[in-house]
Amino acid sequence: MTISSQSAVALINSELQSVQSAAVQSRSAAFDASDFCSLWPTAKPILQLLSSIAFLIPGVGAGAGAVLAGLIKVGDQIHADTCGA
């Protein structure tokens, strides 16, 4: 399967819009540390997959992959500090 740069950009923009929409909806909810403790083990493999896919996208993909990798490291540190894992 071949994907053009334009369709990759359109796909990324679509995903960003859905994530931003979800973020706006979740801002009204209070953050609870126990939610993060149960969410992180599920979210981490998804972020790792997205990070490895992002590296395959020419141009900004390497930067996006690096940002996601950094986010994973920060998430691991927060999980260790907050959840004691």
N, C-alpha and C. Protein backbone atom coordinates (compact mmCIF):
# COMPACT_ATOMS: atom_id res chain seq x y z
N MET A 1 0.84 -1.17 0.00
CA MET A 1 0.00 0.00 0.00
C MET A 1 0.88 1.23 0.00
N THR A 2 0.65 2.11 -0.94
CA THR A 2 1.41 3.34 -1.04
C THR A 2 0.53 4.50 -0.59
N ILE A 3 1.11 5.37 0.20
CA ILE A 3 0.37 6.53 0.68
C ILE A 3 1.12 7.78 0.26
N SER A 4 0.40 8.74 -0.29
CA SER A 4 1.04 9.98 -0.72
C SER A 4 1.22 10.90 0.47
N SER A 5 2.09 11.87 0.30
CA SER A 5 2.33 12.83 1.37
C SER A 5 1.06 13.60 1.70
N GLN A 6 0.30 13.93 0.67
CA GLN A 6 -0.92 14.70 0.90
C GLN A 6 -1.96 13.89 1.67
N SER A 7 -2.10 12.62 1.34
CA SER A 7 -3.07 11.82 2.08
C SER A 7 -2.58 11.55 3.50
N ALA A 8 -1.28 11.46 3.70
CA ALA A 8 -0.74 11.29 5.05
C ALA A 8 -1.02 12.53 5.89
N VAL A 9 -0.82 13.70 5.29
CA VAL A 9 -1.09 14.96 6.00
C VAL A 9 -2.57 15.06 6.33
N ALA A 10 -3.43 14.70 5.38
CA ALA A 10 -4.87 14.74 5.62
C ALA A 10 -5.26 13.79 6.75
N LEU A 11 -4.67 12.61 6.77
CA LEU A 11 -4.95 11.63 7.81
C LEU A 11 -4.50 12.14 9.18
N ILE A 12 -3.31 12.71 9.23
CA ILE A 12 -2.78 13.25 10.49
C ILE A 12 -3.65 14.40 10.98
N ASN A 13 -4.03 15.30 10.06
CA ASN A 13 -4.88 16.43 10.45
C ASN A 13 -6.23 15.94 10.98
N SER A 14 -6.77 14.93 10.35
CA SER A 14 -8.04 14.36 10.80
C SER A 14 -7.91 13.79 12.21
N GLU A 15 -6.83 13.06 12.46
CA GLU A 15 -6.61 12.49 13.79
C GLU A 15 -6.39 13.58 14.83
N LEU A 16 -5.64 14.63 14.45
CA LEU A 16 -5.41 15.74 15.38
C LEU A 16 -6.72 16.42 15.76
N GLN A 17 -7.59 16.61 14.78
CA GLN A 17 -8.88 17.23 15.07
C GLN A 17 -9.71 16.38 16.02
N SER A 18 -9.70 15.08 15.83
CA SER A 18 -10.47 14.22 16.73
C SER A 18 -9.88 14.20 18.13
N VAL A 19 -8.56 14.23 18.22
CA VAL A 19 -7.90 14.27 19.54
C VAL A 19 -8.19 15.59 20.22
N GLN A 20 -8.10 16.70 19.47
CA GLN A 20 -8.38 18.00 20.05
C GLN A 20 -9.83 18.09 20.52
N SER A 21 -10.73 17.54 19.75
CA SER A 21 -12.14 17.52 20.13
C SER A 21 -12.34 16.74 21.42
N ALA A 22 -11.69 15.59 21.53
CA ALA A 22 -11.80 14.79 22.74
C ALA A 22 -11.17 15.51 23.93
N ALA A 23 -10.07 16.23 23.68
CA ALA A 23 -9.41 16.96 24.76
C ALA A 23 -10.30 18.08 25.29
N VAL A 24 -10.99 18.77 24.40
CA VAL A 24 -11.89 19.83 24.82
C VAL A 24 -13.01 19.25 25.68
N GLN A 25 -13.54 18.11 25.29
CA GLN A 25 -14.62 17.49 26.05
C GLN A 25 -14.14 17.01 27.42
N SER A 26 -12.91 16.56 27.51
CA SER A 26 -12.43 16.02 28.78
C SER A 26 -11.92 17.09 29.73
N ARG A 27 -11.76 18.32 29.25
CA ARG A 27 -11.27 19.38 30.13
C ARG A 27 -12.23 19.67 31.26
N SER A 28 -13.51 19.44 31.03
CA SER A 28 -14.49 19.73 32.07
C SER A 28 -14.42 18.72 33.21
N ALA A 29 -13.89 17.55 32.94
CA ALA A 29 -13.79 16.52 33.98
C ALA A 29 -12.55 16.77 34.83
N ALA A 30 -12.67 16.54 36.13
CA ALA A 30 -11.54 16.72 37.03
C ALA A 30 -10.54 15.58 36.82
N PHE A 31 -9.25 15.90 36.92
CA PHE A 31 -8.21 14.89 36.76
C PHE A 31 -8.06 14.13 38.06
N ASP A 32 -8.03 12.85 37.96
CA ASP A 32 -7.86 11.98 39.12
C ASP A 32 -6.64 11.10 38.87
N ALA A 33 -5.69 11.09 39.81
CA ALA A 33 -4.45 10.33 39.62
C ALA A 33 -4.72 8.85 39.41
N SER A 34 -5.76 8.32 40.02
CA SER A 34 -6.04 6.90 39.85
C SER A 34 -6.46 6.58 38.43
N ASP A 35 -7.07 7.55 37.74
CA ASP A 35 -7.41 7.34 36.34
C ASP A 35 -6.14 7.17 35.51
N PHE A 36 -5.13 7.99 35.77
CA PHE A 36 -3.87 7.88 35.03
C PHE A 36 -3.22 6.53 35.31
N CYS A 37 -3.28 6.10 36.56
CA CYS A 37 -2.65 4.83 36.93
C CYS A 37 -3.26 3.65 36.19
N SER A 38 -4.55 3.70 35.95
CA SER A 38 -5.17 2.60 35.21
C SER A 38 -5.09 2.81 33.71
N LEU A 39 -4.99 4.06 33.28
CA LEU A 39 -4.97 4.37 31.85
C LEU A 39 -3.59 4.16 31.23
N TRP A 40 -2.53 4.51 31.93
CA TRP A 40 -1.20 4.49 31.34
C TRP A 40 -0.77 3.13 30.78
N PRO A 41 -0.97 2.02 31.49
CA PRO A 41 -0.56 0.73 30.92
C PRO A 41 -1.26 0.40 29.60
N THR A 42 -2.44 0.95 29.39
CA THR A 42 -3.16 0.74 28.14
C THR A 42 -2.71 1.73 27.07
N ALA A 43 -2.47 2.97 27.49
CA ALA A 43 -2.11 4.03 26.54
C ALA A 43 -0.68 3.91 26.03
N LYS A 44 0.22 3.42 26.86
CA LYS A 44 1.64 3.38 26.48
C LYS A 44 1.90 2.56 25.22
N PRO A 45 1.38 1.34 25.08
CA PRO A 45 1.64 0.59 23.85
C PRO A 45 1.07 1.26 22.60
N ILE A 46 -0.06 1.95 22.78
CA ILE A 46 -0.65 2.68 21.65
C ILE A 46 0.27 3.82 21.23
N LEU A 47 0.78 4.56 22.21
CA LEU A 47 1.71 5.65 21.90
C LEU A 47 3.00 5.13 21.28
N GLN A 48 3.47 3.98 21.74
CA GLN A 48 4.67 3.39 21.15
C GLN A 48 4.43 3.01 19.69
N LEU A 49 3.28 2.47 19.39
CA LEU A 49 2.93 2.12 18.02
C LEU A 49 2.85 3.38 17.16
N LEU A 50 2.17 4.41 17.66
CA LEU A 50 2.06 5.65 16.90
C LEU A 50 3.42 6.29 16.68
N SER A 51 4.28 6.20 17.68
CA SER A 51 5.63 6.75 17.55
C SER A 51 6.41 6.04 16.45
N SER A 52 6.32 4.73 16.41
CA SER A 52 7.06 3.99 15.38
C SER A 52 6.48 4.23 14.00
N ILE A 53 5.17 4.41 13.90
CA ILE A 53 4.55 4.73 12.61
C ILE A 53 4.94 6.13 12.17
N ALA A 54 4.98 7.07 13.12
CA ALA A 54 5.31 8.45 12.79
C ALA A 54 6.70 8.56 12.18
N PHE A 55 7.64 7.75 12.66
CA PHE A 55 8.99 7.81 12.13
C PHE A 55 9.04 7.45 10.64
N LEU A 56 8.04 6.73 10.15
CA LEU A 56 8.01 6.32 8.74
C LEU A 56 7.53 7.43 7.82
N ILE A 57 6.90 8.46 8.37
CA ILE A 57 6.37 9.55 7.57
C ILE A 57 7.50 10.51 7.21
N PRO A 58 7.72 10.74 5.92
CA PRO A 58 8.79 11.65 5.51
C PRO A 58 8.54 13.07 6.02
N GLY A 59 9.59 13.77 6.31
CA GLY A 59 9.48 15.16 6.74
C GLY A 59 9.28 15.27 8.23
N VAL A 60 8.08 15.66 8.63
CA VAL A 60 7.80 15.92 10.04
C VAL A 60 7.62 14.66 10.87
N GLY A 61 7.59 13.51 10.23
CA GLY A 61 7.36 12.26 10.95
C GLY A 61 8.41 11.97 12.00
N ALA A 62 9.67 12.23 11.68
CA ALA A 62 10.74 11.97 12.64
C ALA A 62 10.58 12.85 13.87
N GLY A 63 10.21 14.11 13.66
CA GLY A 63 9.99 15.01 14.79
C GLY A 63 8.80 14.58 15.63
N ALA A 64 7.73 14.19 14.96
CA ALA A 64 6.54 13.73 15.68
C ALA A 64 6.83 12.45 16.46
N GLY A 65 7.60 11.56 15.85
CA GLY A 65 7.97 10.33 16.54
C GLY A 65 8.82 10.60 17.76
N ALA A 66 9.73 11.57 17.64
CA ALA A 66 10.57 11.94 18.77
C ALA A 66 9.75 12.56 19.90
N VAL A 67 8.77 13.39 19.53
CA VAL A 67 7.90 14.00 20.54
C VAL A 67 7.11 12.92 21.27
N LEU A 68 6.58 11.96 20.52
CA LEU A 68 5.83 10.87 21.16
C LEU A 68 6.73 10.02 22.05
N ALA A 69 7.97 9.78 21.61
CA ALA A 69 8.91 9.02 22.44
C ALA A 69 9.20 9.77 23.74
N GLY A 70 9.34 11.10 23.64
CA GLY A 70 9.54 11.91 24.84
C GLY A 70 8.33 11.86 25.76
N LEU A 71 7.14 11.89 25.17
CA LEU A 71 5.91 11.81 25.94
C LEU A 71 5.82 10.48 26.68
N ILE A 72 6.26 9.42 26.03
CA ILE A 72 6.25 8.10 26.67
C ILE A 72 7.19 8.08 27.87
N LYS A 73 8.37 8.68 27.73
CA LYS A 73 9.32 8.73 28.85
C LYS A 73 8.74 9.52 30.02
N VAL A 74 8.12 10.66 29.71
CA VAL A 74 7.52 11.47 30.76
C VAL A 74 6.37 10.71 31.42
N GLY A 75 5.56 10.04 30.61
CA GLY A 75 4.46 9.24 31.16
C GLY A 75 4.95 8.14 32.07
N ASP A 76 6.06 7.49 31.67
CA ASP A 76 6.65 6.45 32.52
C ASP A 76 7.09 7.02 33.87
N GLN A 77 7.71 8.21 33.84
CA GLN A 77 8.17 8.84 35.07
C GLN A 77 6.99 9.22 35.96
N ILE A 78 5.96 9.80 35.35
CA ILE A 78 4.78 10.18 36.13
C ILE A 78 4.11 8.93 36.72
N HIS A 79 4.03 7.88 35.92
CA HIS A 79 3.41 6.64 36.39
C HIS A 79 4.20 6.06 37.57
N ALA A 80 5.52 6.08 37.45
CA ALA A 80 6.36 5.55 38.54
C ALA A 80 6.21 6.39 39.81
N ASP A 81 6.18 7.72 39.66
CA ASP A 81 6.08 8.60 40.82
C ASP A 81 4.68 8.58 41.44
N THR A 82 3.67 8.58 40.60
CA THR A 82 2.29 8.70 41.08
C THR A 82 1.71 7.36 41.52
N CYS A 83 2.00 6.34 40.76
CA CYS A 83 1.34 5.05 40.98
C CYS A 83 2.22 4.05 41.73
N GLY A 84 3.49 4.40 41.90
CA GLY A 84 4.40 3.53 42.62
C GLY A 84 4.75 2.26 41.87
N ALA A 85 4.68 2.32 40.55
CA ALA A 85 5.01 1.12 39.76
C ALA A 85 6.42 1.18 39.25
